[in-house]
Amino acid sequence: PVAVVAWLANTLGEHGVALEPGHLIMTGALHVAVPMSPG
């Protein structure tokens, strides 16, 4: 997951965008997505 942060910083950096203090970084699913239903 830390490599995800490095990848994101480098990818955004190519467009002049930085990751800022306090930013939340979601690093990707650890399993297959599960449909949600009310209740």
PDB file of all heavy atoms in Angstrom:
ATOM      1  N   PRO A   1       0.800  -1.227   0.000  1.00  0.00           N
ATOM      2  CA  PRO A   1       0.000   0.000   0.000  1.00  0.00           C
ATOM      3  C   PRO A   1       0.834   1.280   0.000  1.00  0.00           C
ATOM      4  O   PRO A   1       0.409   2.296  -0.559  1.00  0.00           O
ATOM      5  CB  PRO A   1      -0.822  -0.118   1.290  1.00  0.00           C
ATOM      6  CG  PRO A   1      -0.899  -1.587   1.554  1.00  0.00           C
ATOM      7  CD  PRO A   1       0.423  -2.140   1.092  1.00  0.00           C
ATOM      8  N   VAL A   2       2.024   1.248   0.605  1.00  0.00           N
ATOM      9  CA  VAL A   2       2.876   2.436   0.595  1.00  0.00           C
ATOM     10  C   VAL A   2       3.372   2.725  -0.818  1.00  0.00           C
ATOM     11  O   VAL A   2       3.497   3.884  -1.227  1.00  0.00           O
ATOM     12  CB  VAL A   2       4.057   2.278   1.570  1.00  0.00           C
ATOM     13  CG1 VAL A   2       4.960   3.512   1.523  1.00  0.00           C
ATOM     14  CG2 VAL A   2       3.553   2.058   2.992  1.00  0.00           C
ATOM     15  N   ALA A   3       3.617   1.665  -1.590  1.00  0.00           N
ATOM     16  CA  ALA A   3       4.018   1.849  -2.992  1.00  0.00           C
ATOM     17  C   ALA A   3       2.909   2.532  -3.790  1.00  0.00           C
ATOM     18  O   ALA A   3       3.184   3.235  -4.773  1.00  0.00           O
ATOM     19  CB  ALA A   3       4.383   0.505  -3.621  1.00  0.00           C
ATOM     20  N   VAL A   4       1.659   2.329  -3.376  1.00  0.00           N
ATOM     21  CA  VAL A   4       0.531   3.005  -4.030  1.00  0.00           C
ATOM     22  C   VAL A   4       0.665   4.519  -3.851  1.00  0.00           C
ATOM     23  O   VAL A   4       0.437   5.298  -4.789  1.00  0.00           O
ATOM     24  CB  VAL A   4      -0.808   2.509  -3.453  1.00  0.00           C
ATOM     25  CG1 VAL A   4      -1.972   3.322  -4.015  1.00  0.00           C
ATOM     26  CG2 VAL A   4      -1.008   1.023  -3.742  1.00  0.00           C
ATOM     27  N   VAL A   5       1.049   4.953  -2.657  1.00  0.00           N
ATOM     28  CA  VAL A   5       1.211   6.382  -2.388  1.00  0.00           C
ATOM     29  C   VAL A   5       2.346   6.957  -3.238  1.00  0.00           C
ATOM     30  O   VAL A   5       2.214   8.038  -3.816  1.00  0.00           O
ATOM     31  CB  VAL A   5       1.469   6.633  -0.895  1.00  0.00           C
ATOM     32  CG1 VAL A   5       1.690   8.123  -0.624  1.00  0.00           C
ATOM     33  CG2 VAL A   5       0.297   6.120  -0.059  1.00  0.00           C
ATOM     34  N   ALA A   6       3.463   6.232  -3.325  1.00  0.00           N
ATOM     35  CA  ALA A   6       4.581   6.695  -4.150  1.00  0.00           C
ATOM     36  C   ALA A   6       4.168   6.782  -5.609  1.00  0.00           C
ATOM     37  O   ALA A   6       4.480   7.774  -6.299  1.00  0.00           O
ATOM     38  CB  ALA A   6       5.772   5.749  -3.985  1.00  0.00           C
ATOM     39  N   TRP A   7       3.447   5.765  -6.084  1.00  0.00           N
ATOM     40  CA  TRP A   7       2.972   5.779  -7.479  1.00  0.00           C
ATOM     41  C   TRP A   7       2.073   6.986  -7.731  1.00  0.00           C
ATOM     42  O   TRP A   7       2.219   7.689  -8.745  1.00  0.00           O
ATOM     43  CB  TRP A   7       2.211   4.483  -7.793  1.00  0.00           C
ATOM     44  CG  TRP A   7       1.620   4.476  -9.165  1.00  0.00           C
ATOM     45  CD1 TRP A   7       2.201   4.046 -10.316  1.00  0.00           C
ATOM     46  CD2 TRP A   7       0.304   4.959  -9.544  1.00  0.00           C
ATOM     47  NE1 TRP A   7       1.354   4.228 -11.383  1.00  0.00           N
ATOM     48  CE2 TRP A   7       0.191   4.788 -10.943  1.00  0.00           C
ATOM     49  CE3 TRP A   7      -0.756   5.508  -8.836  1.00  0.00           C
ATOM     50  CZ2 TRP A   7      -0.954   5.153 -11.642  1.00  0.00           C
ATOM     51  CZ3 TRP A   7      -1.903   5.883  -9.538  1.00  0.00           C
ATOM     52  CH2 TRP A   7      -1.998   5.700 -10.924  1.00  0.00           C
ATOM     53  N   LEU A   8       1.170   7.250  -6.803  1.00  0.00           N
ATOM     54  CA  LEU A   8       0.238   8.364  -6.974  1.00  0.00           C
ATOM     55  C   LEU A   8       0.980   9.694  -6.983  1.00  0.00           C
ATOM     56  O   LEU A   8       0.706  10.562  -7.836  1.00  0.00           O
ATOM     57  CB  LEU A   8      -0.801   8.345  -5.854  1.00  0.00           C
ATOM     58  CG  LEU A   8      -1.838   9.473  -5.871  1.00  0.00           C
ATOM     59  CD1 LEU A   8      -2.697   9.396  -7.130  1.00  0.00           C
ATOM     60  CD2 LEU A   8      -2.707   9.414  -4.622  1.00  0.00           C
ATOM     61  N   ALA A   9       1.917   9.872  -6.060  1.00  0.00           N
ATOM     62  CA  ALA A   9       2.677  11.116  -6.004  1.00  0.00           C
ATOM     63  C   ALA A   9       3.443  11.345  -7.300  1.00  0.00           C
ATOM     64  O   ALA A   9       3.481  12.473  -7.824  1.00  0.00           O
ATOM     65  CB  ALA A   9       3.633  11.095  -4.819  1.00  0.00           C
ATOM     66  N   ASN A  10       4.032  10.302  -7.831  1.00  0.00           N
ATOM     67  CA  ASN A  10       4.803  10.435  -9.071  1.00  0.00           C
ATOM     68  C   ASN A  10       3.904  10.685 -10.276  1.00  0.00           C
ATOM     69  O   ASN A  10       4.238  11.486 -11.161  1.00  0.00           O
ATOM     70  CB  ASN A  10       5.658   9.183  -9.287  1.00  0.00           C
ATOM     71  CG  ASN A  10       6.794   9.095  -8.292  1.00  0.00           C
ATOM     72  OD1 ASN A  10       7.333  10.105  -7.858  1.00  0.00           O
ATOM     73  ND2 ASN A  10       7.142   7.878  -7.898  1.00  0.00           N
ATOM     74  N   THR A  11       2.764  10.030 -10.307  1.00  0.00           N
ATOM     75  CA  THR A  11       1.839  10.201 -11.426  1.00  0.00           C
ATOM     76  C   THR A  11       1.239  11.607 -11.426  1.00  0.00           C
ATOM     77  O   THR A  11       1.189  12.283 -12.461  1.00  0.00           O
ATOM     78  CB  THR A  11       0.723   9.147 -11.358  1.00  0.00           C
ATOM     79  OG1 THR A  11       1.308   7.832 -11.389  1.00  0.00           O
ATOM     80  CG2 THR A  11      -0.234   9.279 -12.531  1.00  0.00           C
ATOM     81  N   LEU A  12       0.781  12.065 -10.255  1.00  0.00           N
ATOM     82  CA  LEU A  12       0.228  13.424 -10.167  1.00  0.00           C
ATOM     83  C   LEU A  12       1.309  14.469 -10.379  1.00  0.00           C
ATOM     84  O   LEU A  12       1.049  15.543 -10.933  1.00  0.00           O
ATOM     85  CB  LEU A  12      -0.442  13.622  -8.805  1.00  0.00           C
ATOM     86  CG  LEU A  12      -1.734  12.862  -8.562  1.00  0.00           C
ATOM     87  CD1 LEU A  12      -2.235  13.108  -7.135  1.00  0.00           C
ATOM     88  CD2 LEU A  12      -2.812  13.259  -9.557  1.00  0.00           C
ATOM     89  N   GLY A  13       2.542  14.161  -9.945  1.00  0.00           N
ATOM     90  CA  GLY A  13       3.633  15.105 -10.102  1.00  0.00           C
ATOM     91  C   GLY A  13       3.917  15.438 -11.553  1.00  0.00           C
ATOM     92  O   GLY A  13       4.377  16.550 -11.867  1.00  0.00           O
ATOM     93  N   GLU A  14       3.643  14.485 -12.450  1.00  0.00           N
ATOM     94  CA  GLU A  14       3.828  14.745 -13.876  1.00  0.00           C
ATOM     95  C   GLU A  14       2.896  15.842 -14.377  1.00  0.00           C
ATOM     96  O   GLU A  14       3.126  16.443 -15.433  1.00  0.00           O
ATOM     97  CB  GLU A  14       3.594  13.457 -14.670  1.00  0.00           C
ATOM     98  CG  GLU A  14       4.609  12.356 -14.361  1.00  0.00           C
ATOM     99  CD  GLU A  14       4.252  11.049 -15.044  1.00  0.00           C
ATOM    100  OE1 GLU A  14       3.201  11.013 -15.735  1.00  0.00           O
ATOM    101  OE2 GLU A  14       5.005  10.078 -14.890  1.00  0.00           O
ATOM    102  N   HIS A  15       1.826  16.099 -13.599  1.00  0.00           N
ATOM    103  CA  HIS A  15       0.850  17.130 -13.982  1.00  0.00           C
ATOM    104  C   HIS A  15       0.925  18.339 -13.053  1.00  0.00           C
ATOM    105  O   HIS A  15       0.001  19.174 -13.034  1.00  0.00           O
ATOM    106  CB  HIS A  15      -0.558  16.541 -13.969  1.00  0.00           C
ATOM    107  CG  HIS A  15      -0.709  15.317 -14.814  1.00  0.00           C
ATOM    108  ND1 HIS A  15      -0.751  15.361 -16.195  1.00  0.00           N
ATOM    109  CD2 HIS A  15      -0.780  13.997 -14.486  1.00  0.00           C
ATOM    110  CE1 HIS A  15      -0.865  14.123 -16.679  1.00  0.00           C
ATOM    111  NE2 HIS A  15      -0.879  13.290 -15.664  1.00  0.00           N
ATOM    112  N   GLY A  16       1.998  18.410 -12.254  1.00  0.00           N
ATOM    113  CA  GLY A  16       2.174  19.554 -11.374  1.00  0.00           C
ATOM    114  C   GLY A  16       1.289  19.547 -10.146  1.00  0.00           C
ATOM    115  O   GLY A  16       1.067  20.594  -9.527  1.00  0.00           O
ATOM    116  N   VAL A  17       0.774  18.380  -9.767  1.00  0.00           N
ATOM    117  CA  VAL A  17      -0.112  18.258  -8.608  1.00  0.00           C
ATOM    118  C   VAL A  17       0.625  17.517  -7.500  1.00  0.00           C
ATOM    119  O   VAL A  17       1.279  16.497  -7.747  1.00  0.00           O
ATOM    120  CB  VAL A  17      -1.408  17.506  -8.965  1.00  0.00           C
ATOM    121  CG1 VAL A  17      -2.293  17.336  -7.739  1.00  0.00           C
ATOM    122  CG2 VAL A  17      -2.161  18.248 -10.072  1.00  0.00           C
ATOM    123  N   ALA A  18       0.531  18.021  -6.269  1.00  0.00           N
ATOM    124  CA  ALA A  18       1.183  17.398  -5.120  1.00  0.00           C
ATOM    125  C   ALA A  18       0.142  16.823  -4.163  1.00  0.00           C
ATOM    126  O   ALA A  18      -1.019  17.260  -4.145  1.00  0.00           O
ATOM    127  CB  ALA A  18       2.055  18.408  -4.384  1.00  0.00           C
ATOM    128  N   LEU A  19       0.558  15.847  -3.378  1.00  0.00           N
ATOM    129  CA  LEU A  19      -0.245  15.353  -2.272  1.00  0.00           C
ATOM    130  C   LEU A  19       0.026  16.239  -1.069  1.00  0.00           C
ATOM    131  O   LEU A  19       1.185  16.504  -0.735  1.00  0.00           O
ATOM    132  CB  LEU A  19       0.117  13.897  -1.954  1.00  0.00           C
ATOM    133  CG  LEU A  19      -0.012  12.902  -3.108  1.00  0.00           C
ATOM    134  CD1 LEU A  19       0.390  11.503  -2.660  1.00  0.00           C
ATOM    135  CD2 LEU A  19      -1.425  12.899  -3.673  1.00  0.00           C
ATOM    136  N   GLU A  20      -1.030  16.704  -0.428  1.00  0.00           N
ATOM    137  CA  GLU A  20      -0.877  17.700   0.622  1.00  0.00           C
ATOM    138  C   GLU A  20      -1.090  17.097   2.014  1.00  0.00           C
ATOM    139  O   GLU A  20      -1.772  16.086   2.170  1.00  0.00           O
ATOM    140  CB  GLU A  20      -1.891  18.832   0.412  1.00  0.00           C
ATOM    141  CG  GLU A  20      -1.775  19.536  -0.935  1.00  0.00           C
ATOM    142  CD  GLU A  20      -0.491  20.338  -1.088  1.00  0.00           C
ATOM    143  OE1 GLU A  20       0.203  20.559  -0.067  1.00  0.00           O
ATOM    144  OE2 GLU A  20      -0.187  20.765  -2.226  1.00  0.00           O
ATOM    145  N   PRO A  21      -0.504  17.729   3.059  1.00  0.00           N
ATOM    146  CA  PRO A  21      -0.728  17.258   4.433  1.00  0.00           C
ATOM    147  C   PRO A  21      -2.223  17.186   4.754  1.00  0.00           C
ATOM    148  O   PRO A  21      -2.978  18.101   4.409  1.00  0.00           O
ATOM    149  CB  PRO A  21      -0.026  18.319   5.278  1.00  0.00           C
ATOM    150  CG  PRO A  21       1.014  18.890   4.381  1.00  0.00           C
ATOM    151  CD  PRO A  21       0.411  18.879   3.003  1.00  0.00           C
ATOM    152  N   GLY A  22      -2.615  16.104   5.387  1.00  0.00           N
ATOM    153  CA  GLY A  22      -4.022  15.897   5.717  1.00  0.00           C
ATOM    154  C   GLY A  22      -4.805  15.152   4.666  1.00  0.00           C
ATOM    155  O   GLY A  22      -5.924  14.680   4.932  1.00  0.00           O
ATOM    156  N   HIS A  23      -4.257  15.027   3.466  1.00  0.00           N
ATOM    157  CA  HIS A  23      -4.950  14.286   2.415  1.00  0.00           C
ATOM    158  C   HIS A  23      -5.150  12.825   2.816  1.00  0.00           C
ATOM    159  O   HIS A  23      -4.275  12.205   3.418  1.00  0.00           O
ATOM    160  CB  HIS A  23      -4.153  14.332   1.109  1.00  0.00           C
ATOM    161  CG  HIS A  23      -4.515  15.486   0.235  1.00  0.00           C
ATOM    162  ND1 HIS A  23      -3.896  15.752  -0.964  1.00  0.00           N
ATOM    163  CD2 HIS A  23      -5.454  16.459   0.371  1.00  0.00           C
ATOM    164  CE1 HIS A  23      -4.431  16.813  -1.525  1.00  0.00           C
ATOM    165  NE2 HIS A  23      -5.372  17.266  -0.730  1.00  0.00           N
ATOM    166  N   LEU A  24      -6.309  12.303   2.467  1.00  0.00           N
ATOM    167  CA  LEU A  24      -6.611  10.880   2.630  1.00  0.00           C
ATOM    168  C   LEU A  24      -6.261  10.164   1.328  1.00  0.00           C
ATOM    169  O   LEU A  24      -6.681  10.595   0.259  1.00  0.00           O
ATOM    170  CB  LEU A  24      -8.095  10.687   2.943  1.00  0.00           C
ATOM    171  CG  LEU A  24      -8.614  11.382   4.212  1.00  0.00           C
ATOM    172  CD1 LEU A  24     -10.144  11.322   4.248  1.00  0.00           C
ATOM    173  CD2 LEU A  24      -8.021  10.751   5.451  1.00  0.00           C
ATOM    174  N   ILE A  25      -5.508   9.085   1.436  1.00  0.00           N
ATOM    175  CA  ILE A  25      -5.119   8.319   0.250  1.00  0.00           C
ATOM    176  C   ILE A  25      -5.685   6.912   0.366  1.00  0.00           C
ATOM    177  O   ILE A  25      -5.276   6.129   1.224  1.00  0.00           O
ATOM    178  CB  ILE A  25      -3.585   8.253   0.085  1.00  0.00           C
ATOM    179  CG1 ILE A  25      -2.967   9.654   0.181  1.00  0.00           C
ATOM    180  CG2 ILE A  25      -3.244   7.578  -1.232  1.00  0.00           C
ATOM    181  CD1 ILE A  25      -3.424  10.622  -0.880  1.00  0.00           C
ATOM    182  N   MET A  26      -6.644   6.607  -0.483  1.00  0.00           N
ATOM    183  CA  MET A  26      -7.244   5.270  -0.521  1.00  0.00           C
ATOM    184  C   MET A  26      -6.380   4.398  -1.430  1.00  0.00           C
ATOM    185  O   MET A  26      -6.150   4.743  -2.586  1.00  0.00           O
ATOM    186  CB  MET A  26      -8.673   5.370  -1.044  1.00  0.00           C
ATOM    187  CG  MET A  26      -9.519   6.345  -0.256  1.00  0.00           C
ATOM    188  SD  MET A  26     -11.131   6.643  -1.009  1.00  0.00           S
ATOM    189  CE  MET A  26     -11.877   5.050  -0.746  1.00  0.00           C
ATOM    190  N   THR A  27      -5.922   3.276  -0.891  1.00  0.00           N
ATOM    191  CA  THR A  27      -4.872   2.523  -1.577  1.00  0.00           C
ATOM    192  C   THR A  27      -5.362   1.334  -2.399  1.00  0.00           C
ATOM    193  O   THR A  27      -4.551   0.643  -3.003  1.00  0.00           O
ATOM    194  CB  THR A  27      -3.821   2.035  -0.568  1.00  0.00           C
ATOM    195  OG1 THR A  27      -4.446   1.207   0.421  1.00  0.00           O
ATOM    196  CG2 THR A  27      -3.140   3.220   0.110  1.00  0.00           C
ATOM    197  N   GLY A  28      -6.663   1.106  -2.462  1.00  0.00           N
ATOM    198  CA  GLY A  28      -7.172   0.050  -3.329  1.00  0.00           C
ATOM    199  C   GLY A  28      -7.786  -1.111  -2.571  1.00  0.00           C
ATOM    200  O   GLY A  28      -7.406  -1.421  -1.434  1.00  0.00           O
ATOM    201  N   ALA A  29      -8.732  -1.757  -3.211  1.00  0.00           N
ATOM    202  CA  ALA A  29      -9.499  -2.836  -2.583  1.00  0.00           C
ATOM    203  C   ALA A  29      -8.627  -4.044  -2.251  1.00  0.00           C
ATOM    204  O   ALA A  29      -7.721  -4.392  -3.002  1.00  0.00           O
ATOM    205  CB  ALA A  29     -10.635  -3.265  -3.496  1.00  0.00           C
ATOM    206  N   LEU A  30      -8.960  -4.686  -1.126  1.00  0.00           N
ATOM    207  CA  LEU A  30      -8.257  -5.894  -0.703  1.00  0.00           C
ATOM    208  C   LEU A  30      -9.045  -7.160  -1.033  1.00  0.00           C
ATOM    209  O   LEU A  30      -8.647  -8.260  -0.655  1.00  0.00           O
ATOM    210  CB  LEU A  30      -7.985  -5.837   0.808  1.00  0.00           C
ATOM    211  CG  LEU A  30      -7.218  -4.602   1.304  1.00  0.00           C
ATOM    212  CD1 LEU A  30      -6.963  -4.715   2.801  1.00  0.00           C
ATOM    213  CD2 LEU A  30      -5.920  -4.414   0.534  1.00  0.00           C
ATOM    214  N   HIS A  31     -10.162  -6.995  -1.765  1.00  0.00           N
ATOM    215  CA  HIS A  31     -11.037  -8.131  -2.082  1.00  0.00           C
ATOM    216  C   HIS A  31     -11.965  -7.708  -3.217  1.00  0.00           C
ATOM    217  O   HIS A  31     -11.949  -6.566  -3.656  1.00  0.00           O
ATOM    218  CB  HIS A  31     -11.860  -8.529  -0.848  1.00  0.00           C
ATOM    219  CG  HIS A  31     -12.747  -7.400  -0.377  1.00  0.00           C
ATOM    220  ND1 HIS A  31     -14.047  -7.255  -0.770  1.00  0.00           N
ATOM    221  CD2 HIS A  31     -12.486  -6.335   0.430  1.00  0.00           C
ATOM    222  CE1 HIS A  31     -14.559  -6.172  -0.228  1.00  0.00           C
ATOM    223  NE2 HIS A  31     -13.626  -5.592   0.506  1.00  0.00           N
ATOM    224  N   VAL A  32     -12.784  -8.614  -3.672  1.00  0.00           N
ATOM    225  CA  VAL A  32     -13.755  -8.316  -4.727  1.00  0.00           C
ATOM    226  C   VAL A  32     -14.886  -7.447  -4.164  1.00  0.00           C
ATOM    227  O   VAL A  32     -15.372  -7.682  -3.055  1.00  0.00           O
ATOM    228  CB  VAL A  32     -14.330  -9.617  -5.318  1.00  0.00           C
ATOM    229  CG1 VAL A  32     -15.421  -9.321  -6.341  1.00  0.00           C
ATOM    230  CG2 VAL A  32     -13.218 -10.441  -5.953  1.00  0.00           C
ATOM    231  N   ALA A  33     -15.298  -6.431  -4.905  1.00  0.00           N
ATOM    232  CA  ALA A  33     -16.349  -5.518  -4.464  1.00  0.00           C
ATOM    233  C   ALA A  33     -17.649  -6.264  -4.205  1.00  0.00           C
ATOM    234  O   ALA A  33     -18.016  -7.187  -4.929  1.00  0.00           O
ATOM    235  CB  ALA A  33     -16.564  -4.425  -5.500  1.00  0.00           C
ATOM    236  N   VAL A  34     -18.375  -5.816  -3.148  1.00  0.00           N
ATOM    237  CA  VAL A  34     -19.601  -6.480  -2.703  1.00  0.00           C
ATOM    238  C   VAL A  34     -20.790  -5.535  -2.893  1.00  0.00           C
ATOM    239  O   VAL A  34     -20.766  -4.404  -2.391  1.00  0.00           O
ATOM    240  CB  VAL A  34     -19.495  -6.880  -1.220  1.00  0.00           C
ATOM    241  CG1 VAL A  34     -20.761  -7.592  -0.763  1.00  0.00           C
ATOM    242  CG2 VAL A  34     -18.263  -7.758  -0.988  1.00  0.00           C
ATOM    243  N   PRO A  35     -21.851  -5.950  -3.595  1.00  0.00           N
ATOM    244  CA  PRO A  35     -23.027  -5.094  -3.753  1.00  0.00           C
ATOM    245  C   PRO A  35     -23.662  -4.749  -2.408  1.00  0.00           C
ATOM    246  O   PRO A  35     -23.661  -5.552  -1.473  1.00  0.00           O
ATOM    247  CB  PRO A  35     -23.974  -5.944  -4.609  1.00  0.00           C
ATOM    248  CG  PRO A  35     -23.070  -6.905  -5.329  1.00  0.00           C
ATOM    249  CD  PRO A  35     -21.965  -7.204  -4.365  1.00  0.00           C
ATOM    250  N   MET A  36     -24.224  -3.538  -2.314  1.00  0.00           N
ATOM    251  CA  MET A  36     -24.867  -3.055  -1.097  1.00  0.00           C
ATOM    252  C   MET A  36     -26.376  -3.040  -1.264  1.00  0.00           C
ATOM    253  O   MET A  36     -26.883  -2.737  -2.332  1.00  0.00           O
ATOM    254  CB  MET A  36     -24.395  -1.626  -0.790  1.00  0.00           C
ATOM    255  CG  MET A  36     -22.922  -1.484  -0.547  1.00  0.00           C
ATOM    256  SD  MET A  36     -22.400   0.257  -0.595  1.00  0.00           S
ATOM    257  CE  MET A  36     -23.528   1.018   0.576  1.00  0.00           C
ATOM    258  N   SER A  37     -27.084  -3.334  -0.178  1.00  0.00           N
ATOM    259  CA  SER A  37     -28.542  -3.273  -0.173  1.00  0.00           C
ATOM    260  C   SER A  37     -29.007  -2.599   1.110  1.00  0.00           C
ATOM    261  O   SER A  37     -28.339  -2.704   2.148  1.00  0.00           O
ATOM    262  CB  SER A  37     -29.151  -4.678  -0.254  1.00  0.00           C
ATOM    263  OG  SER A  37     -28.773  -5.329  -1.445  1.00  0.00           O
ATOM    264  N   PRO A  38     -30.161  -1.913   1.069  1.00  0.00           N
ATOM    265  CA  PRO A  38     -30.688  -1.288   2.284  1.00  0.00           C
ATOM    266  C   PRO A  38     -30.834  -2.317   3.412  1.00  0.00           C
ATOM    267  O   PRO A  38     -31.287  -3.438   3.195  1.00  0.00           O
ATOM    268  CB  PRO A  38     -32.050  -0.754   1.835  1.00  0.00           C
ATOM    269  CG  PRO A  38     -31.887  -0.505   0.374  1.00  0.00           C
ATOM    270  CD  PRO A  38     -30.997  -1.600  -0.116  1.00  0.00           C
ATOM    271  N   GLY A  39     -30.431  -1.922   4.606  1.00  0.00           N
ATOM    272  CA  GLY A  39     -30.489  -2.819   5.757  1.00  0.00           C
ATOM    273  C   GLY A  39     -29.182  -3.525   6.052  1.00  0.00           C
ATOM    274  O   GLY A  39     -28.999  -4.073   7.145  1.00  0.00           O
TER     275      GLY A  39
END
